Amino acid sequence: MFARTDRLLLRPIWAEDAPSLRQLGLAIPDLIQSRIDMPDLLVLSRTDAHPKPVGRASLARTRGGTTALRLWITPEARGHGHATEAGRAVIDMAQHCLGLSALTACPAPDDAAALRLCARLGFGMGQGAGAQLALPLKNDKKIAKFCLAA
């Protein structure tokens, strides 16, 4: 799946991305393998002439059986709204392309930036223990037909 926002391109991670991912400090083998129906995505800033990797996004099954949104933005790219923009794009894909009914997020309780991001994305306290946050989704079949798979 691909997503294009005002400033970002989210696309599947390919083997050819290995050199760029190593520079970002990301492990390659576990990123290429899909955890759900959606592969891990490379988040690219497309504000310059050449798209620049600024992070990754994925959906992953938790031990409790829920689907968790996972985002990581490079330290240099933080504070510019990339995580919010990428998070909204992945939430839209989860809702409209994959037909998921809910997502969770599991930020560290002492990670104020991640907690603020979750609040901006609409996550609220879920049921159960820990810092797991929940986001119910509405499935709109009219929009789902426009989703493109890789």
N, C-alpha and C. Protein backbone atom coordinates (compact mmCIF):
# COMPACT_ATOMS: atom_id res chain seq x y z
N MET A 1 0.82 -1.18 0.00
CA MET A 1 0.00 0.00 0.00
C MET A 1 0.87 1.25 0.00
N PHE A 2 0.35 2.26 -0.62
CA PHE A 2 1.03 3.53 -0.72
C PHE A 2 0.11 4.62 -0.19
N ALA A 3 0.70 5.66 0.35
CA ALA A 3 -0.08 6.84 0.75
C ALA A 3 0.74 8.07 0.43
N ARG A 4 0.07 9.08 -0.06
CA ARG A 4 0.73 10.35 -0.34
C ARG A 4 -0.02 11.43 0.42
N THR A 5 0.71 12.20 1.19
CA THR A 5 0.12 13.31 1.93
C THR A 5 0.72 14.60 1.37
N ASP A 6 0.40 15.71 2.00
CA ASP A 6 0.94 16.99 1.52
C ASP A 6 2.46 17.00 1.46
N ARG A 7 3.12 16.37 2.45
CA ARG A 7 4.58 16.43 2.51
C ARG A 7 5.27 15.09 2.52
N LEU A 8 4.50 14.01 2.61
CA LEU A 8 5.10 12.69 2.79
C LEU A 8 4.63 11.69 1.75
N LEU A 9 5.47 10.70 1.54
CA LEU A 9 5.12 9.51 0.77
C LEU A 9 5.36 8.33 1.69
N LEU A 10 4.36 7.48 1.86
CA LEU A 10 4.51 6.25 2.63
C LEU A 10 4.41 5.11 1.63
N ARG A 11 5.42 4.26 1.62
CA ARG A 11 5.43 3.14 0.69
C ARG A 11 6.07 1.94 1.37
N PRO A 12 5.80 0.74 0.82
CA PRO A 12 6.42 -0.45 1.42
C PRO A 12 7.93 -0.35 1.44
N ILE A 13 8.53 -0.97 2.42
CA ILE A 13 9.99 -1.04 2.50
C ILE A 13 10.46 -2.14 1.56
N TRP A 14 11.41 -1.80 0.71
CA TRP A 14 11.95 -2.74 -0.25
C TRP A 14 13.39 -3.09 0.12
N ALA A 15 13.85 -4.22 -0.39
CA ALA A 15 15.23 -4.65 -0.12
C ALA A 15 16.24 -3.59 -0.55
N GLU A 16 15.92 -2.84 -1.60
CA GLU A 16 16.82 -1.80 -2.10
C GLU A 16 16.98 -0.65 -1.10
N ASP A 17 16.10 -0.59 -0.11
CA ASP A 17 16.16 0.47 0.90
C ASP A 17 17.19 0.18 1.99
N ALA A 18 17.80 -1.01 1.96
CA ALA A 18 18.70 -1.41 3.04
C ALA A 18 19.77 -0.37 3.37
N PRO A 19 20.48 0.20 2.40
CA PRO A 19 21.51 1.19 2.77
C PRO A 19 20.92 2.41 3.50
N SER A 20 19.81 2.91 3.03
CA SER A 20 19.18 4.06 3.70
C SER A 20 18.71 3.70 5.10
N LEU A 21 18.15 2.51 5.24
CA LEU A 21 17.65 2.09 6.55
C LEU A 21 18.79 1.88 7.54
N ARG A 22 19.90 1.35 7.05
CA ARG A 22 21.05 1.18 7.94
C ARG A 22 21.55 2.53 8.43
N GLN A 23 21.54 3.54 7.56
CA GLN A 23 21.95 4.89 7.98
C GLN A 23 21.02 5.44 9.06
N LEU A 24 19.74 5.03 9.02
CA LEU A 24 18.79 5.47 10.04
C LEU A 24 18.88 4.63 11.30
N GLY A 25 19.66 3.54 11.25
CA GLY A 25 19.81 2.68 12.41
C GLY A 25 18.70 1.67 12.56
N LEU A 26 18.01 1.34 11.48
CA LEU A 26 16.91 0.38 11.54
C LEU A 26 17.38 -0.99 11.07
N ALA A 27 16.90 -2.03 11.73
CA ALA A 27 17.22 -3.40 11.33
C ALA A 27 16.41 -3.74 10.08
N ILE A 28 17.03 -4.38 9.13
CA ILE A 28 16.39 -4.64 7.85
C ILE A 28 15.48 -5.87 7.86
N PRO A 29 15.95 -7.06 8.28
CA PRO A 29 15.16 -8.27 8.06
C PRO A 29 13.76 -8.22 8.66
N ASP A 30 13.60 -7.72 9.87
CA ASP A 30 12.30 -7.74 10.50
C ASP A 30 11.37 -6.65 9.96
N LEU A 31 11.89 -5.70 9.22
CA LEU A 31 11.04 -4.65 8.69
C LEU A 31 10.37 -5.04 7.38
N ILE A 32 11.02 -5.86 6.58
CA ILE A 32 10.48 -6.18 5.27
C ILE A 32 9.32 -7.16 5.37
N GLN A 33 9.32 -8.01 6.36
CA GLN A 33 8.26 -8.99 6.51
C GLN A 33 6.99 -8.34 7.03
N SER A 34 5.88 -8.57 6.34
CA SER A 34 4.59 -8.00 6.74
C SER A 34 4.09 -8.65 8.01
N ARG A 35 3.54 -7.85 8.90
CA ARG A 35 2.99 -8.38 10.15
C ARG A 35 1.47 -8.52 10.07
N ILE A 36 0.85 -7.82 9.18
CA ILE A 36 -0.60 -7.86 9.02
C ILE A 36 -0.85 -7.95 7.51
N ASP A 37 -1.93 -7.37 7.05
CA ASP A 37 -2.18 -7.29 5.62
C ASP A 37 -1.47 -6.09 5.01
N MET A 38 -0.80 -5.31 5.83
CA MET A 38 -0.11 -4.13 5.37
C MET A 38 1.37 -4.26 5.71
N PRO A 39 2.25 -4.08 4.73
CA PRO A 39 3.68 -4.17 5.03
C PRO A 39 4.16 -2.97 5.84
N ASP A 40 5.33 -3.10 6.43
CA ASP A 40 5.95 -1.94 7.07
C ASP A 40 6.20 -0.90 6.00
N LEU A 41 6.01 0.35 6.35
CA LEU A 41 6.12 1.43 5.38
C LEU A 41 7.30 2.33 5.69
N LEU A 42 7.98 2.74 4.64
CA LEU A 42 9.02 3.74 4.75
C LEU A 42 8.35 5.10 4.62
N VAL A 43 8.65 6.00 5.53
CA VAL A 43 8.09 7.35 5.49
C VAL A 43 9.15 8.25 4.86
N LEU A 44 8.79 8.85 3.73
CA LEU A 44 9.71 9.70 2.99
C LEU A 44 9.19 11.13 2.96
N SER A 45 10.05 12.07 3.25
CA SER A 45 9.72 13.48 3.11
C SER A 45 9.87 13.82 1.64
N ARG A 46 8.86 14.43 1.05
CA ARG A 46 8.95 14.77 -0.36
C ARG A 46 8.93 16.28 -0.58
N THR A 47 9.47 17.01 0.38
CA THR A 47 9.53 18.46 0.27
C THR A 47 10.75 18.93 -0.51
N ASP A 48 11.78 18.10 -0.60
CA ASP A 48 12.97 18.43 -1.38
C ASP A 48 12.88 17.79 -2.75
N ALA A 49 13.85 18.07 -3.62
CA ALA A 49 13.87 17.49 -4.96
C ALA A 49 13.95 15.96 -4.90
N HIS A 50 14.68 15.42 -3.92
CA HIS A 50 14.81 13.98 -3.77
C HIS A 50 14.16 13.56 -2.46
N PRO A 51 13.20 12.62 -2.50
CA PRO A 51 12.57 12.16 -1.26
C PRO A 51 13.63 11.64 -0.27
N LYS A 52 13.44 11.99 0.99
CA LYS A 52 14.40 11.63 2.03
C LYS A 52 13.70 10.77 3.08
N PRO A 53 14.26 9.60 3.44
CA PRO A 53 13.65 8.79 4.49
C PRO A 53 13.66 9.55 5.83
N VAL A 54 12.49 9.62 6.45
CA VAL A 54 12.39 10.29 7.75
C VAL A 54 11.80 9.38 8.82
N GLY A 55 11.49 8.13 8.47
CA GLY A 55 10.96 7.23 9.49
C GLY A 55 10.30 6.01 8.90
N ARG A 56 9.57 5.32 9.75
CA ARG A 56 8.82 4.14 9.33
C ARG A 56 7.51 4.09 10.07
N ALA A 57 6.56 3.38 9.49
CA ALA A 57 5.24 3.22 10.10
C ALA A 57 4.78 1.78 9.85
N SER A 58 4.03 1.24 10.79
CA SER A 58 3.53 -0.12 10.60
C SER A 58 2.31 -0.35 11.47
N LEU A 59 1.64 -1.43 11.16
CA LEU A 59 0.58 -1.97 12.00
C LEU A 59 1.05 -3.34 12.44
N ALA A 60 0.89 -3.65 13.71
CA ALA A 60 1.37 -4.93 14.23
C ALA A 60 0.36 -5.50 15.20
N ARG A 61 0.24 -6.80 15.19
CA ARG A 61 -0.62 -7.49 16.16
C ARG A 61 0.06 -7.47 17.53
N THR A 62 -0.72 -7.16 18.55
CA THR A 62 -0.19 -7.19 19.91
C THR A 62 -0.45 -8.57 20.51
N ARG A 63 0.11 -8.83 21.67
CA ARG A 63 -0.13 -10.11 22.34
C ARG A 63 -1.59 -10.28 22.70
N GLY A 64 -2.28 -9.17 22.91
CA GLY A 64 -3.70 -9.23 23.25
C GLY A 64 -4.61 -9.38 22.04
N GLY A 65 -4.03 -9.45 20.84
CA GLY A 65 -4.83 -9.66 19.64
C GLY A 65 -5.32 -8.39 18.97
N THR A 66 -4.95 -7.24 19.50
CA THR A 66 -5.35 -5.99 18.87
C THR A 66 -4.33 -5.61 17.80
N THR A 67 -4.66 -4.61 17.02
CA THR A 67 -3.75 -4.10 16.00
C THR A 67 -3.20 -2.76 16.47
N ALA A 68 -1.89 -2.67 16.57
CA ALA A 68 -1.26 -1.46 17.11
C ALA A 68 -0.60 -0.65 16.00
N LEU A 69 -0.78 0.65 16.08
CA LEU A 69 -0.09 1.59 15.21
C LEU A 69 1.31 1.81 15.78
N ARG A 70 2.31 1.70 14.93
CA ARG A 70 3.68 1.95 15.35
C ARG A 70 4.30 2.97 14.41
N LEU A 71 4.88 4.01 14.98
CA LEU A 71 5.53 5.06 14.20
C LEU A 71 6.89 5.34 14.79
N TRP A 72 7.83 5.62 13.93
CA TRP A 72 9.15 6.06 14.37
C TRP A 72 9.63 7.10 13.37
N ILE A 73 10.01 8.25 13.87
CA ILE A 73 10.52 9.34 13.04
C ILE A 73 11.96 9.61 13.48
N THR A 74 12.85 9.87 12.52
CA THR A 74 14.24 10.14 12.85
C THR A 74 14.33 11.36 13.77
N PRO A 75 15.30 11.39 14.65
CA PRO A 75 15.44 12.54 15.55
C PRO A 75 15.53 13.87 14.81
N GLU A 76 16.22 13.88 13.66
CA GLU A 76 16.37 15.12 12.89
C GLU A 76 15.05 15.62 12.33
N ALA A 77 14.11 14.72 12.07
CA ALA A 77 12.84 15.09 11.45
C ALA A 77 11.73 15.34 12.47
N ARG A 78 11.99 15.10 13.73
CA ARG A 78 10.96 15.30 14.76
C ARG A 78 10.67 16.78 14.95
N GLY A 79 9.45 17.05 15.37
CA GLY A 79 9.04 18.42 15.65
C GLY A 79 8.53 19.17 14.43
N HIS A 80 8.34 18.47 13.31
CA HIS A 80 7.87 19.11 12.09
C HIS A 80 6.52 18.56 11.63
N GLY A 81 5.86 17.76 12.46
CA GLY A 81 4.55 17.23 12.12
C GLY A 81 4.55 15.97 11.28
N HIS A 82 5.73 15.40 11.03
CA HIS A 82 5.79 14.19 10.19
C HIS A 82 5.06 13.01 10.84
N ALA A 83 5.21 12.84 12.14
CA ALA A 83 4.56 11.71 12.82
C ALA A 83 3.04 11.84 12.76
N THR A 84 2.54 13.05 12.96
CA THR A 84 1.09 13.27 12.89
C THR A 84 0.58 12.98 11.48
N GLU A 85 1.28 13.49 10.48
CA GLU A 85 0.86 13.30 9.09
C GLU A 85 0.93 11.83 8.69
N ALA A 86 2.02 11.15 9.06
CA ALA A 86 2.15 9.73 8.74
C ALA A 86 1.12 8.91 9.52
N GLY A 87 0.92 9.23 10.78
CA GLY A 87 -0.06 8.51 11.59
C GLY A 87 -1.45 8.60 11.01
N ARG A 88 -1.85 9.79 10.59
CA ARG A 88 -3.18 9.96 9.98
C ARG A 88 -3.30 9.14 8.70
N ALA A 89 -2.23 9.10 7.91
CA ALA A 89 -2.27 8.32 6.67
C ALA A 89 -2.42 6.82 6.96
N VAL A 90 -1.69 6.31 7.95
CA VAL A 90 -1.80 4.89 8.29
C VAL A 90 -3.16 4.58 8.88
N ILE A 91 -3.69 5.46 9.70
CA ILE A 91 -5.03 5.26 10.25
C ILE A 91 -6.06 5.21 9.13
N ASP A 92 -5.94 6.09 8.15
CA ASP A 92 -6.85 6.07 7.00
C ASP A 92 -6.75 4.74 6.25
N MET A 93 -5.52 4.23 6.04
CA MET A 93 -5.35 2.95 5.36
C MET A 93 -5.96 1.82 6.17
N ALA A 94 -5.74 1.83 7.48
CA ALA A 94 -6.28 0.78 8.34
C ALA A 94 -7.80 0.77 8.29
N GLN A 95 -8.37 1.94 8.27
CA GLN A 95 -9.82 2.08 8.28
C GLN A 95 -10.43 1.77 6.92
N HIS A 96 -9.95 2.42 5.89
CA HIS A 96 -10.61 2.37 4.60
C HIS A 96 -10.11 1.26 3.67
N CYS A 97 -8.86 0.86 3.81
CA CYS A 97 -8.32 -0.18 2.94
C CYS A 97 -8.37 -1.57 3.58
N LEU A 98 -8.05 -1.63 4.86
CA LEU A 98 -8.02 -2.92 5.55
C LEU A 98 -9.31 -3.23 6.29
N GLY A 99 -10.17 -2.23 6.44
CA GLY A 99 -11.45 -2.45 7.11
C GLY A 99 -11.35 -2.75 8.59
N LEU A 100 -10.28 -2.30 9.24
CA LEU A 100 -10.13 -2.55 10.67
C LEU A 100 -11.15 -1.72 11.45
N SER A 101 -11.61 -2.26 12.56
CA SER A 101 -12.61 -1.55 13.37
C SER A 101 -12.00 -0.77 14.53
N ALA A 102 -10.74 -1.05 14.84
CA ALA A 102 -10.09 -0.33 15.94
C ALA A 102 -8.58 -0.48 15.83
N LEU A 103 -7.88 0.47 16.38
CA LEU A 103 -6.43 0.42 16.51
C LEU A 103 -6.07 0.71 17.95
N THR A 104 -4.89 0.27 18.33
CA THR A 104 -4.35 0.63 19.64
C THR A 104 -2.98 1.27 19.44
N ALA A 105 -2.50 1.90 20.47
CA ALA A 105 -1.14 2.44 20.52
C ALA A 105 -0.62 2.18 21.92
N CYS A 106 0.65 1.88 22.02
CA CYS A 106 1.24 1.53 23.31
C CYS A 106 2.47 2.38 23.60
N PRO A 107 2.29 3.69 23.76
CA PRO A 107 3.46 4.53 24.05
C PRO A 107 3.96 4.30 25.47
N ALA A 108 5.23 4.55 25.69
CA ALA A 108 5.76 4.47 27.05
C ALA A 108 5.07 5.55 27.89
N PRO A 109 4.68 5.22 29.10
CA PRO A 109 3.95 6.18 29.93
C PRO A 109 4.71 7.48 30.20
N ASP A 110 6.04 7.43 30.10
CA ASP A 110 6.83 8.63 30.37
C ASP A 110 7.27 9.35 29.09
N ASP A 111 6.75 8.91 27.94
CA ASP A 111 7.10 9.54 26.65
C ASP A 111 6.04 10.59 26.32
N ALA A 112 6.27 11.80 26.80
CA ALA A 112 5.28 12.87 26.65
C ALA A 112 4.98 13.17 25.19
N ALA A 113 6.00 13.15 24.34
CA ALA A 113 5.79 13.45 22.92
C ALA A 113 4.89 12.40 22.27
N ALA A 114 5.12 11.13 22.58
CA ALA A 114 4.30 10.06 22.01
C ALA A 114 2.87 10.14 22.52
N LEU A 115 2.70 10.48 23.79
CA LEU A 115 1.35 10.63 24.34
C LEU A 115 0.61 11.80 23.68
N ARG A 116 1.32 12.90 23.42
CA ARG A 116 0.70 14.03 22.71
C ARG A 116 0.32 13.65 21.29
N LEU A 117 1.20 12.90 20.63
CA LEU A 117 0.91 12.43 19.28
C LEU A 117 -0.35 11.56 19.28
N CYS A 118 -0.44 10.63 20.20
CA CYS A 118 -1.62 9.76 20.29
C CYS A 118 -2.89 10.58 20.49
N ALA A 119 -2.81 11.60 21.33
CA ALA A 119 -3.98 12.46 21.56
C ALA A 119 -4.35 13.20 20.27
N ARG A 120 -3.35 13.72 19.53
CA ARG A 120 -3.63 14.41 18.26
C ARG A 120 -4.29 13.48 17.25
N LEU A 121 -3.91 12.20 17.28
CA LEU A 121 -4.46 11.23 16.34
C LEU A 121 -5.82 10.70 16.77
N GLY A 122 -6.27 11.06 17.96
CA GLY A 122 -7.60 10.66 18.42
C GLY A 122 -7.66 9.46 19.33
N PHE A 123 -6.51 8.94 19.75
CA PHE A 123 -6.50 7.80 20.66
C PHE A 123 -6.95 8.23 22.04
N GLY A 124 -7.71 7.37 22.70
CA GLY A 124 -8.13 7.59 24.08
C GLY A 124 -7.82 6.36 24.89
N MET A 125 -7.96 6.47 26.20
CA MET A 125 -7.66 5.33 27.07
C MET A 125 -8.56 4.15 26.73
N GLY A 126 -7.93 3.00 26.50
CA GLY A 126 -8.67 1.80 26.17
C GLY A 126 -8.99 0.99 27.42
N GLN A 127 -9.62 -0.14 27.21
CA GLN A 127 -9.94 -1.05 28.30
C GLN A 127 -8.71 -1.88 28.63
N GLY A 128 -8.49 -2.17 29.89
CA GLY A 128 -7.39 -3.04 30.27
C GLY A 128 -6.27 -2.28 30.95
N ALA A 129 -5.24 -3.03 31.30
CA ALA A 129 -4.13 -2.47 32.06
C ALA A 129 -3.09 -1.85 31.15
N GLY A 130 -2.22 -1.07 31.71
CA GLY A 130 -1.11 -0.48 30.98
C GLY A 130 -1.48 0.81 30.31
N ALA A 131 -0.59 1.28 29.46
CA ALA A 131 -0.78 2.57 28.80
C ALA A 131 -1.36 2.39 27.40
N GLN A 132 -2.06 1.26 27.17
CA GLN A 132 -2.61 1.03 25.85
C GLN A 132 -3.73 2.01 25.57
N LEU A 133 -3.67 2.66 24.42
CA LEU A 133 -4.66 3.63 24.01
C LEU A 133 -5.47 3.04 22.86
N ALA A 134 -6.73 3.42 22.74
CA ALA A 134 -7.61 2.84 21.74
C ALA A 134 -8.16 3.91 20.81
N LEU A 135 -8.40 3.51 19.56
CA LEU A 135 -9.01 4.38 18.57
C LEU A 135 -10.02 3.56 17.78
N PRO A 136 -11.33 3.77 18.03
CA PRO A 136 -12.34 3.07 17.22
C PRO A 136 -12.37 3.67 15.82
N LEU A 137 -12.62 2.82 14.83
CA LEU A 137 -12.66 3.27 13.44
C LEU A 137 -14.01 2.93 12.83
N LYS A 138 -14.44 3.73 11.88
CA LYS A 138 -15.65 3.45 11.12
C LYS A 138 -15.22 3.01 9.74
N ASN A 139 -15.78 1.91 9.26
CA ASN A 139 -15.40 1.39 7.95
C ASN A 139 -16.34 1.95 6.90
N ASP A 140 -15.80 2.71 5.96
CA ASP A 140 -16.57 3.31 4.89
C ASP A 140 -16.24 2.59 3.59
N LYS A 141 -17.12 1.72 3.16
CA LYS A 141 -16.88 0.91 1.96
C LYS A 141 -16.74 1.77 0.71
N LYS A 142 -17.35 2.94 0.67
CA LYS A 142 -17.26 3.80 -0.51
C LYS A 142 -15.83 4.25 -0.76
N ILE A 143 -15.09 4.49 0.30
CA ILE A 143 -13.71 4.97 0.16
C ILE A 143 -12.76 3.80 -0.09
N ALA A 144 -13.06 2.62 0.42
CA ALA A 144 -12.16 1.48 0.33
C ALA A 144 -11.80 1.13 -1.10
N LYS A 145 -12.66 1.39 -2.05
CA LYS A 145 -12.37 1.01 -3.44
C LYS A 145 -11.21 1.82 -4.03
N PHE A 146 -10.83 2.92 -3.41
CA PHE A 146 -9.75 3.75 -3.91
C PHE A 146 -8.39 3.38 -3.34
N CYS A 147 -8.32 2.40 -2.48
CA CYS A 147 -7.06 2.01 -1.86
C CYS A 147 -6.26 1.15 -2.83
N LEU A 148 -4.98 1.40 -2.91
CA LEU A 148 -4.11 0.66 -3.81
C LEU A 148 -3.17 -0.22 -3.01
N ALA A 149 -3.04 -1.44 -3.41
CA ALA A 149 -2.10 -2.36 -2.76
C ALA A 149 -0.81 -2.38 -3.56
N ALA A 150 0.27 -2.74 -2.88
CA ALA A 150 1.58 -2.82 -3.56
C ALA A 150 1.63 -3.99 -4.49
